[in-house]
Amino acid sequence: MPGALGHLNVVDLSHTLAGQYCARLFADFGANVALVEPEEGSPIRRLKPFSGDGESLQFIHLNTGKRSLVIRGSDDPVLADLMAGADVVVLSADGDGAVVSGRYPNAVVVVPSSFGSDGPRSGWQGPEIVLQALSGMMHNNGAAGREPLYGTGNRAEMAAGVGAYIGALT
């Protein structure tokens, strides 16, 4: 049975946890999602922990339900065809959403990033500990009268992926 988003074509050009999680959520609901990787593969493929076969478990988790395509540069004709038919394009924080939107005006372009591309904190770096601290997650993890506690995993990156997914759907 087709999923609720089976009519959507999503191109995942991201190389971040937030971007790939955003695109994974589209795949979970039936969208046709293509993960576009460089020849050396997505950087997520090199993140621990690894399975007994040496595959990144994070990569498997974030990319289940997607098909993976290797491209050989931004002028690859396969990429041009994918982009022309895209309803949603997911970029990494360093992606130029304005250029992609200009070239493919029918696509919703999503650029998950720590602090956005403009505004008072746009130049800030966003490692997981900073994002957890600023979001209040660390305060919620602490006990009354004690210091805040850093949560394990990549909670802020995953929350950003959920936010990007909801924003794209909206």
N, C-alpha and C. Protein backbone atom coordinates (compact mmCIF):
# COMPACT_ATOMS: atom_id res chain seq x y z
N MET A 1 0.84 -1.17 0.00
CA MET A 1 0.00 0.00 0.00
C MET A 1 0.90 1.24 0.00
N PRO A 2 0.63 2.20 -0.89
CA PRO A 2 1.45 3.42 -0.91
C PRO A 2 1.26 4.24 0.35
N GLY A 3 2.31 4.95 0.73
CA GLY A 3 2.24 5.79 1.92
C GLY A 3 1.58 7.12 1.64
N ALA A 4 1.35 7.86 2.69
CA ALA A 4 0.68 9.15 2.59
C ALA A 4 1.44 10.14 1.70
N LEU A 5 2.75 10.02 1.63
CA LEU A 5 3.55 10.96 0.84
C LEU A 5 4.09 10.31 -0.43
N GLY A 6 3.45 9.24 -0.87
CA GLY A 6 3.91 8.50 -2.05
C GLY A 6 3.96 9.31 -3.33
N HIS A 7 3.30 10.44 -3.35
CA HIS A 7 3.29 11.30 -4.53
C HIS A 7 4.48 12.26 -4.58
N LEU A 8 5.32 12.26 -3.54
CA LEU A 8 6.43 13.21 -3.47
C LEU A 8 7.76 12.58 -3.88
N ASN A 9 8.56 13.37 -4.58
CA ASN A 9 9.95 13.00 -4.90
C ASN A 9 10.86 13.90 -4.09
N VAL A 10 11.74 13.29 -3.31
CA VAL A 10 12.64 14.03 -2.43
C VAL A 10 14.08 13.71 -2.84
N VAL A 11 14.89 14.75 -2.98
CA VAL A 11 16.31 14.58 -3.27
C VAL A 11 17.07 15.01 -2.02
N ASP A 12 17.82 14.08 -1.45
CA ASP A 12 18.61 14.33 -0.24
C ASP A 12 20.05 14.58 -0.64
N LEU A 13 20.45 15.84 -0.62
CA LEU A 13 21.83 16.23 -0.93
C LEU A 13 22.62 16.52 0.34
N SER A 14 22.04 16.21 1.49
CA SER A 14 22.67 16.57 2.76
C SER A 14 23.77 15.58 3.15
N HIS A 15 24.63 16.06 4.01
CA HIS A 15 25.68 15.21 4.57
C HIS A 15 25.72 15.39 6.10
N THR A 16 24.56 15.71 6.66
CA THR A 16 24.45 15.91 8.10
C THR A 16 23.39 14.98 8.67
N LEU A 17 23.47 14.77 9.98
CA LEU A 17 22.47 13.94 10.65
C LEU A 17 21.08 14.56 10.52
N ALA A 18 20.97 15.87 10.73
CA ALA A 18 19.68 16.54 10.65
C ALA A 18 19.07 16.43 9.26
N GLY A 19 19.86 16.66 8.24
CA GLY A 19 19.35 16.59 6.87
C GLY A 19 18.93 15.19 6.49
N GLN A 20 19.76 14.21 6.81
CA GLN A 20 19.43 12.84 6.44
C GLN A 20 18.26 12.30 7.27
N TYR A 21 18.11 12.78 8.50
CA TYR A 21 16.94 12.37 9.29
C TYR A 21 15.67 13.00 8.72
N CYS A 22 15.74 14.25 8.33
CA CYS A 22 14.60 14.92 7.69
C CYS A 22 14.14 14.10 6.49
N ALA A 23 15.06 13.74 5.60
CA ALA A 23 14.71 12.98 4.40
C ALA A 23 14.23 11.57 4.76
N ARG A 24 14.78 10.98 5.82
CA ARG A 24 14.33 9.66 6.27
C ARG A 24 12.86 9.70 6.67
N LEU A 25 12.43 10.78 7.31
CA LEU A 25 11.03 10.90 7.71
C LEU A 25 10.12 10.94 6.48
N PHE A 26 10.55 11.58 5.42
CA PHE A 26 9.78 11.56 4.18
C PHE A 26 9.67 10.12 3.66
N ALA A 27 10.78 9.39 3.67
CA ALA A 27 10.77 7.99 3.21
C ALA A 27 9.85 7.14 4.09
N ASP A 28 9.87 7.39 5.39
CA ASP A 28 9.02 6.61 6.30
C ASP A 28 7.54 6.73 5.94
N PHE A 29 7.16 7.87 5.38
CA PHE A 29 5.76 8.08 5.03
C PHE A 29 5.49 7.89 3.54
N GLY A 30 6.41 7.19 2.86
CA GLY A 30 6.16 6.72 1.50
C GLY A 30 6.73 7.54 0.37
N ALA A 31 7.37 8.66 0.65
CA ALA A 31 7.95 9.47 -0.42
C ALA A 31 9.08 8.70 -1.11
N ASN A 32 9.28 8.99 -2.38
CA ASN A 32 10.39 8.44 -3.15
C ASN A 32 11.61 9.31 -2.85
N VAL A 33 12.55 8.80 -2.06
CA VAL A 33 13.69 9.59 -1.62
C VAL A 33 14.98 9.05 -2.22
N ALA A 34 15.73 9.93 -2.83
CA ALA A 34 17.04 9.58 -3.40
C ALA A 34 18.12 10.30 -2.60
N LEU A 35 19.01 9.53 -1.98
CA LEU A 35 20.18 10.08 -1.31
C LEU A 35 21.27 10.21 -2.36
N VAL A 36 21.73 11.43 -2.60
CA VAL A 36 22.78 11.67 -3.58
C VAL A 36 24.10 11.76 -2.83
N GLU A 37 25.02 10.87 -3.18
CA GLU A 37 26.31 10.80 -2.49
C GLU A 37 27.45 11.11 -3.45
N PRO A 38 28.52 11.71 -2.91
CA PRO A 38 29.73 11.87 -3.74
C PRO A 38 30.40 10.51 -3.93
N GLU A 39 31.38 10.46 -4.78
CA GLU A 39 32.05 9.18 -5.08
C GLU A 39 32.61 8.50 -3.84
N GLU A 40 33.06 9.29 -2.85
CA GLU A 40 33.62 8.68 -1.63
C GLU A 40 32.54 8.28 -0.63
N GLY A 41 31.30 8.55 -0.95
CA GLY A 41 30.18 8.19 -0.08
C GLY A 41 29.88 9.29 0.92
N SER A 42 28.70 9.21 1.49
CA SER A 42 28.28 10.18 2.50
C SER A 42 29.20 10.13 3.71
N PRO A 43 29.54 11.28 4.30
CA PRO A 43 30.36 11.26 5.52
C PRO A 43 29.70 10.48 6.65
N ILE A 44 28.39 10.36 6.63
CA ILE A 44 27.67 9.61 7.67
C ILE A 44 28.06 8.13 7.63
N ARG A 45 28.48 7.63 6.47
CA ARG A 45 28.91 6.23 6.36
C ARG A 45 30.13 5.93 7.25
N ARG A 46 30.84 6.98 7.65
CA ARG A 46 32.06 6.79 8.43
C ARG A 46 31.87 7.05 9.92
N LEU A 47 30.61 7.25 10.35
CA LEU A 47 30.32 7.50 11.76
C LEU A 47 30.10 6.21 12.54
N LYS A 48 30.65 6.17 13.74
CA LYS A 48 30.43 5.04 14.64
C LYS A 48 29.04 5.13 15.24
N PRO A 49 28.52 4.07 15.75
CA PRO A 49 29.06 2.71 15.84
C PRO A 49 28.87 1.96 14.52
N PHE A 50 29.67 0.90 14.37
CA PHE A 50 29.62 0.09 13.17
C PHE A 50 29.04 -1.28 13.48
N SER A 51 28.40 -1.87 12.47
CA SER A 51 27.87 -3.22 12.59
C SER A 51 29.03 -4.21 12.51
N GLY A 52 28.74 -5.48 12.73
CA GLY A 52 29.76 -6.52 12.59
C GLY A 52 30.32 -6.58 11.18
N ASP A 53 29.55 -6.11 10.20
CA ASP A 53 30.00 -6.08 8.81
C ASP A 53 30.76 -4.81 8.47
N GLY A 54 30.91 -3.90 9.45
CA GLY A 54 31.64 -2.67 9.23
C GLY A 54 30.82 -1.51 8.69
N GLU A 55 29.49 -1.66 8.65
CA GLU A 55 28.64 -0.57 8.17
C GLU A 55 28.25 0.35 9.32
N SER A 56 28.15 1.62 9.04
CA SER A 56 27.75 2.59 10.05
C SER A 56 26.28 2.37 10.39
N LEU A 57 26.01 2.13 11.66
CA LEU A 57 24.63 1.94 12.09
C LEU A 57 23.84 3.24 11.99
N GLN A 58 24.51 4.37 12.20
CA GLN A 58 23.81 5.65 12.02
C GLN A 58 23.41 5.85 10.57
N PHE A 59 24.29 5.50 9.64
CA PHE A 59 23.96 5.62 8.23
C PHE A 59 22.77 4.74 7.88
N ILE A 60 22.80 3.50 8.35
CA ILE A 60 21.68 2.59 8.07
C ILE A 60 20.38 3.16 8.62
N HIS A 61 20.42 3.64 9.86
CA HIS A 61 19.21 4.21 10.48
C HIS A 61 18.69 5.41 9.71
N LEU A 62 19.56 6.32 9.33
CA LEU A 62 19.13 7.56 8.70
C LEU A 62 18.72 7.39 7.24
N ASN A 63 19.11 6.29 6.63
CA ASN A 63 18.88 6.16 5.19
C ASN A 63 18.05 4.95 4.79
N THR A 64 17.43 4.30 5.76
CA THR A 64 16.51 3.21 5.45
C THR A 64 15.34 3.78 4.64
N GLY A 65 14.98 3.09 3.60
CA GLY A 65 13.86 3.51 2.77
C GLY A 65 14.25 4.45 1.63
N LYS A 66 15.52 4.78 1.53
CA LYS A 66 15.99 5.66 0.45
C LYS A 66 16.76 4.82 -0.56
N ARG A 67 16.83 5.34 -1.77
CA ARG A 67 17.76 4.74 -2.73
C ARG A 67 18.97 5.67 -2.79
N SER A 68 20.14 5.09 -2.99
CA SER A 68 21.37 5.86 -2.99
C SER A 68 21.94 5.93 -4.39
N LEU A 69 22.33 7.15 -4.78
CA LEU A 69 22.94 7.36 -6.09
C LEU A 69 24.26 8.07 -5.91
N VAL A 70 25.26 7.63 -6.64
CA VAL A 70 26.56 8.29 -6.62
C VAL A 70 26.63 9.20 -7.84
N ILE A 71 27.00 10.44 -7.61
CA ILE A 71 27.15 11.36 -8.72
C ILE A 71 28.62 11.76 -8.86
N ARG A 72 28.96 12.19 -10.03
CA ARG A 72 30.33 12.59 -10.31
C ARG A 72 30.38 14.07 -10.65
N GLY A 73 29.97 14.89 -9.70
CA GLY A 73 30.01 16.34 -9.89
C GLY A 73 28.63 16.93 -10.07
N SER A 74 28.55 18.25 -9.88
CA SER A 74 27.27 18.95 -9.93
C SER A 74 26.68 19.03 -11.34
N ASP A 75 27.47 18.70 -12.37
CA ASP A 75 26.95 18.74 -13.74
C ASP A 75 26.53 17.36 -14.24
N ASP A 76 26.46 16.38 -13.35
CA ASP A 76 26.03 15.03 -13.70
C ASP A 76 24.59 15.08 -14.22
N PRO A 77 24.31 14.53 -15.41
CA PRO A 77 22.95 14.59 -15.97
C PRO A 77 21.92 13.85 -15.11
N VAL A 78 22.33 12.83 -14.39
CA VAL A 78 21.40 12.12 -13.50
C VAL A 78 20.91 13.06 -12.41
N LEU A 79 21.81 13.87 -11.87
CA LEU A 79 21.43 14.83 -10.84
C LEU A 79 20.47 15.87 -11.41
N ALA A 80 20.73 16.34 -12.60
CA ALA A 80 19.84 17.33 -13.22
C ALA A 80 18.44 16.77 -13.39
N ASP A 81 18.33 15.51 -13.81
CA ASP A 81 17.01 14.89 -13.96
C ASP A 81 16.30 14.75 -12.62
N LEU A 82 17.04 14.33 -11.60
CA LEU A 82 16.45 14.20 -10.26
C LEU A 82 15.93 15.53 -9.76
N MET A 83 16.75 16.55 -9.88
CA MET A 83 16.38 17.87 -9.38
C MET A 83 15.18 18.44 -10.14
N ALA A 84 15.10 18.20 -11.44
CA ALA A 84 13.99 18.71 -12.23
C ALA A 84 12.66 18.13 -11.78
N GLY A 85 12.67 16.89 -11.26
CA GLY A 85 11.45 16.25 -10.81
C GLY A 85 11.23 16.30 -9.32
N ALA A 86 12.06 17.05 -8.60
CA ALA A 86 11.99 17.07 -7.13
C ALA A 86 10.86 17.95 -6.62
N ASP A 87 10.17 17.43 -5.63
CA ASP A 87 9.19 18.22 -4.88
C ASP A 87 9.85 18.85 -3.66
N VAL A 88 10.82 18.14 -3.09
CA VAL A 88 11.56 18.60 -1.91
C VAL A 88 13.03 18.31 -2.14
N VAL A 89 13.88 19.27 -1.80
CA VAL A 89 15.34 19.09 -1.85
C VAL A 89 15.87 19.41 -0.47
N VAL A 90 16.62 18.47 0.11
CA VAL A 90 17.22 18.66 1.43
C VAL A 90 18.71 18.91 1.25
N LEU A 91 19.17 20.05 1.75
CA LEU A 91 20.58 20.43 1.66
C LEU A 91 21.22 20.38 3.03
N SER A 92 22.54 20.43 3.07
CA SER A 92 23.25 20.61 4.33
C SER A 92 23.33 22.09 4.64
N ALA A 93 23.77 22.42 5.85
CA ALA A 93 23.83 23.82 6.27
C ALA A 93 24.70 24.67 5.36
N ASP A 94 25.68 24.07 4.69
CA ASP A 94 26.54 24.83 3.79
C ASP A 94 25.98 24.92 2.37
N GLY A 95 24.80 24.35 2.15
CA GLY A 95 24.17 24.40 0.84
C GLY A 95 23.57 25.78 0.58
N ASP A 96 23.50 26.16 -0.67
CA ASP A 96 22.94 27.46 -1.04
C ASP A 96 21.49 27.28 -1.47
N GLY A 97 20.60 27.42 -0.52
CA GLY A 97 19.18 27.23 -0.78
C GLY A 97 18.62 28.20 -1.80
N ALA A 98 19.13 29.44 -1.81
CA ALA A 98 18.64 30.44 -2.75
C ALA A 98 18.95 30.05 -4.19
N VAL A 99 20.13 29.52 -4.43
CA VAL A 99 20.51 29.08 -5.78
C VAL A 99 19.64 27.92 -6.22
N VAL A 100 19.45 26.94 -5.33
CA VAL A 100 18.63 25.77 -5.67
C VAL A 100 17.19 26.20 -5.91
N SER A 101 16.66 27.07 -5.07
CA SER A 101 15.28 27.56 -5.25
C SER A 101 15.13 28.31 -6.57
N GLY A 102 16.12 29.10 -6.93
CA GLY A 102 16.07 29.83 -8.18
C GLY A 102 16.09 28.91 -9.39
N ARG A 103 16.87 27.86 -9.30
CA ARG A 103 17.00 26.94 -10.43
C ARG A 103 15.82 25.98 -10.52
N TYR A 104 15.25 25.61 -9.36
CA TYR A 104 14.15 24.65 -9.30
C TYR A 104 13.02 25.24 -8.48
N PRO A 105 12.28 26.19 -9.05
CA PRO A 105 11.28 26.93 -8.27
C PRO A 105 10.10 26.09 -7.78
N ASN A 106 9.87 24.92 -8.34
CA ASN A 106 8.76 24.07 -7.90
C ASN A 106 9.10 23.22 -6.70
N ALA A 107 10.36 23.21 -6.30
CA ALA A 107 10.78 22.39 -5.16
C ALA A 107 10.81 23.20 -3.87
N VAL A 108 10.41 22.54 -2.80
CA VAL A 108 10.59 23.11 -1.46
C VAL A 108 12.02 22.78 -1.06
N VAL A 109 12.80 23.79 -0.75
CA VAL A 109 14.21 23.58 -0.40
C VAL A 109 14.35 23.71 1.11
N VAL A 110 14.94 22.68 1.72
CA VAL A 110 15.10 22.62 3.16
C VAL A 110 16.59 22.63 3.49
N VAL A 111 16.99 23.53 4.39
CA VAL A 111 18.40 23.65 4.77
C VAL A 111 18.49 23.61 6.30
N PRO A 112 18.47 22.41 6.90
CA PRO A 112 18.58 22.35 8.36
C PRO A 112 19.96 22.84 8.81
N SER A 113 19.96 23.76 9.77
CA SER A 113 21.22 24.27 10.30
C SER A 113 21.04 24.63 11.76
N SER A 114 22.13 24.82 12.44
CA SER A 114 22.07 25.08 13.88
C SER A 114 21.39 26.40 14.21
N PHE A 115 21.75 27.47 13.49
CA PHE A 115 21.22 28.79 13.84
C PHE A 115 20.68 29.57 12.65
N GLY A 116 20.45 28.91 11.52
CA GLY A 116 19.90 29.59 10.36
C GLY A 116 20.96 30.33 9.56
N SER A 117 20.54 30.83 8.42
CA SER A 117 21.48 31.51 7.53
C SER A 117 21.51 33.02 7.73
N ASP A 118 20.58 33.56 8.52
CA ASP A 118 20.61 34.99 8.83
C ASP A 118 20.14 35.16 10.27
N GLY A 119 20.22 36.34 10.76
CA GLY A 119 19.81 36.57 12.15
C GLY A 119 21.00 36.73 13.07
N PRO A 120 20.74 37.02 14.32
CA PRO A 120 21.81 37.38 15.25
C PRO A 120 22.79 36.24 15.57
N ARG A 121 22.39 35.00 15.41
CA ARG A 121 23.29 33.88 15.74
C ARG A 121 23.70 33.07 14.52
N SER A 122 23.47 33.58 13.33
CA SER A 122 23.75 32.81 12.12
C SER A 122 25.21 32.41 11.99
N GLY A 123 26.12 33.16 12.55
CA GLY A 123 27.54 32.85 12.47
C GLY A 123 28.03 31.89 13.55
N TRP A 124 27.16 31.55 14.47
CA TRP A 124 27.56 30.66 15.56
C TRP A 124 27.73 29.24 15.06
N GLN A 125 28.67 28.53 15.70
CA GLN A 125 28.81 27.10 15.47
C GLN A 125 27.84 26.38 16.40
N GLY A 126 27.40 25.20 16.00
CA GLY A 126 26.41 24.50 16.80
C GLY A 126 26.74 23.07 17.12
N PRO A 127 27.83 22.82 17.87
CA PRO A 127 28.06 21.43 18.29
C PRO A 127 26.92 20.98 19.21
N GLU A 128 26.74 19.71 19.31
CA GLU A 128 25.61 19.13 20.05
C GLU A 128 25.49 19.66 21.47
N ILE A 129 26.59 19.83 22.18
CA ILE A 129 26.52 20.29 23.57
C ILE A 129 25.96 21.72 23.65
N VAL A 130 26.34 22.57 22.70
CA VAL A 130 25.83 23.94 22.69
C VAL A 130 24.33 23.94 22.40
N LEU A 131 23.92 23.14 21.43
CA LEU A 131 22.50 23.08 21.07
C LEU A 131 21.65 22.53 22.22
N GLN A 132 22.17 21.51 22.91
CA GLN A 132 21.43 20.97 24.06
C GLN A 132 21.34 22.00 25.18
N ALA A 133 22.41 22.74 25.40
CA ALA A 133 22.40 23.74 26.47
C ALA A 133 21.43 24.87 26.15
N LEU A 134 21.50 25.41 24.94
CA LEU A 134 20.63 26.52 24.58
C LEU A 134 19.16 26.14 24.47
N SER A 135 18.89 24.88 24.13
CA SER A 135 17.50 24.46 23.97
C SER A 135 16.83 24.14 25.30
N GLY A 136 17.61 23.97 26.35
CA GLY A 136 17.05 23.60 27.64
C GLY A 136 17.07 22.11 27.91
N MET A 137 17.51 21.32 26.92
CA MET A 137 17.56 19.86 27.12
C MET A 137 18.44 19.48 28.29
N MET A 138 19.58 20.16 28.44
CA MET A 138 20.50 19.81 29.53
C MET A 138 19.89 20.16 30.89
N HIS A 139 19.15 21.25 30.96
CA HIS A 139 18.49 21.63 32.21
C HIS A 139 17.43 20.57 32.59
N ASN A 140 16.69 20.11 31.59
CA ASN A 140 15.68 19.09 31.85
C ASN A 140 16.28 17.77 32.29
N ASN A 141 17.52 17.49 31.87
CA ASN A 141 18.19 16.25 32.26
C ASN A 141 18.76 16.32 33.67
N GLY A 142 18.98 17.51 34.17
CA GLY A 142 19.59 17.65 35.50
C GLY A 142 18.57 17.44 36.61
N ALA A 143 19.08 17.20 37.80
CA ALA A 143 18.23 17.08 38.99
C ALA A 143 18.21 18.44 39.69
N ALA A 144 17.15 18.70 40.41
CA ALA A 144 17.01 19.97 41.13
C ALA A 144 18.22 20.19 42.02
N GLY A 145 18.79 21.40 41.96
CA GLY A 145 19.93 21.73 42.79
C GLY A 145 21.26 21.25 42.25
N ARG A 146 21.28 20.59 41.10
CA ARG A 146 22.53 20.10 40.51
C ARG A 146 22.75 20.77 39.16
N GLU A 147 23.95 20.60 38.63
CA GLU A 147 24.29 21.15 37.33
C GLU A 147 23.50 20.42 36.23
N PRO A 148 23.28 21.09 35.10
CA PRO A 148 22.62 20.44 33.97
C PRO A 148 23.45 19.25 33.47
N LEU A 149 22.80 18.29 32.89
CA LEU A 149 23.49 17.09 32.38
C LEU A 149 23.37 17.00 30.87
N TYR A 150 24.50 16.71 30.25
CA TYR A 150 24.53 16.51 28.80
C TYR A 150 23.87 15.17 28.48
N GLY A 151 22.94 15.18 27.53
CA GLY A 151 22.27 13.94 27.12
C GLY A 151 23.07 13.23 26.05
N THR A 152 22.98 11.94 26.05
CA THR A 152 23.71 11.15 25.05
C THR A 152 23.03 11.23 23.69
N GLY A 153 23.75 10.83 22.71
CA GLY A 153 23.20 10.81 21.36
C GLY A 153 23.25 12.17 20.70
N ASN A 154 22.51 12.28 19.65
CA ASN A 154 22.49 13.51 18.86
C ASN A 154 21.08 14.08 18.89
N ARG A 155 20.59 14.36 20.07
CA ARG A 155 19.21 14.81 20.26
C ARG A 155 18.90 16.08 19.50
N ALA A 156 19.77 17.05 19.56
CA ALA A 156 19.51 18.32 18.90
C ALA A 156 19.50 18.17 17.38
N GLU A 157 20.43 17.38 16.84
CA GLU A 157 20.46 17.14 15.39
C GLU A 157 19.17 16.47 14.94
N MET A 158 18.71 15.48 15.71
CA MET A 158 17.48 14.78 15.34
C MET A 158 16.27 15.72 15.45
N ALA A 159 16.25 16.56 16.49
CA ALA A 159 15.16 17.52 16.63
C ALA A 159 15.17 18.50 15.46
N ALA A 160 16.34 18.90 15.01
CA ALA A 160 16.44 19.78 13.84
C ALA A 160 15.90 19.09 12.60
N GLY A 161 16.17 17.81 12.47
CA GLY A 161 15.64 17.04 11.34
C GLY A 161 14.12 16.97 11.37
N VAL A 162 13.54 16.77 12.55
CA VAL A 162 12.09 16.76 12.69
C VAL A 162 11.51 18.12 12.35
N GLY A 163 12.15 19.17 12.86
CA GLY A 163 11.68 20.53 12.56
C GLY A 163 11.74 20.84 11.07
N ALA A 164 12.80 20.41 10.41
CA ALA A 164 12.94 20.64 8.97
C ALA A 164 11.87 19.88 8.20
N TYR A 165 11.59 18.66 8.63
CA TYR A 165 10.54 17.85 7.99
C TYR A 165 9.17 18.51 8.13
N ILE A 166 8.85 18.94 9.33
CA ILE A 166 7.55 19.59 9.56
C ILE A 166 7.46 20.90 8.77
N GLY A 167 8.55 21.65 8.75
CA GLY A 167 8.56 22.89 7.97
C GLY A 167 8.36 22.64 6.49
N ALA A 168 8.99 21.62 5.95
CA ALA A 168 8.84 21.31 4.53
C ALA A 168 7.41 20.88 4.22
N LEU A 169 6.82 20.08 5.10
CA LEU A 169 5.44 19.65 4.88
C LEU A 169 4.47 20.83 4.93
N THR A 170 4.75 21.75 5.84
CA THR A 170 3.88 22.92 5.99
C THR A 170 3.92 23.77 4.75
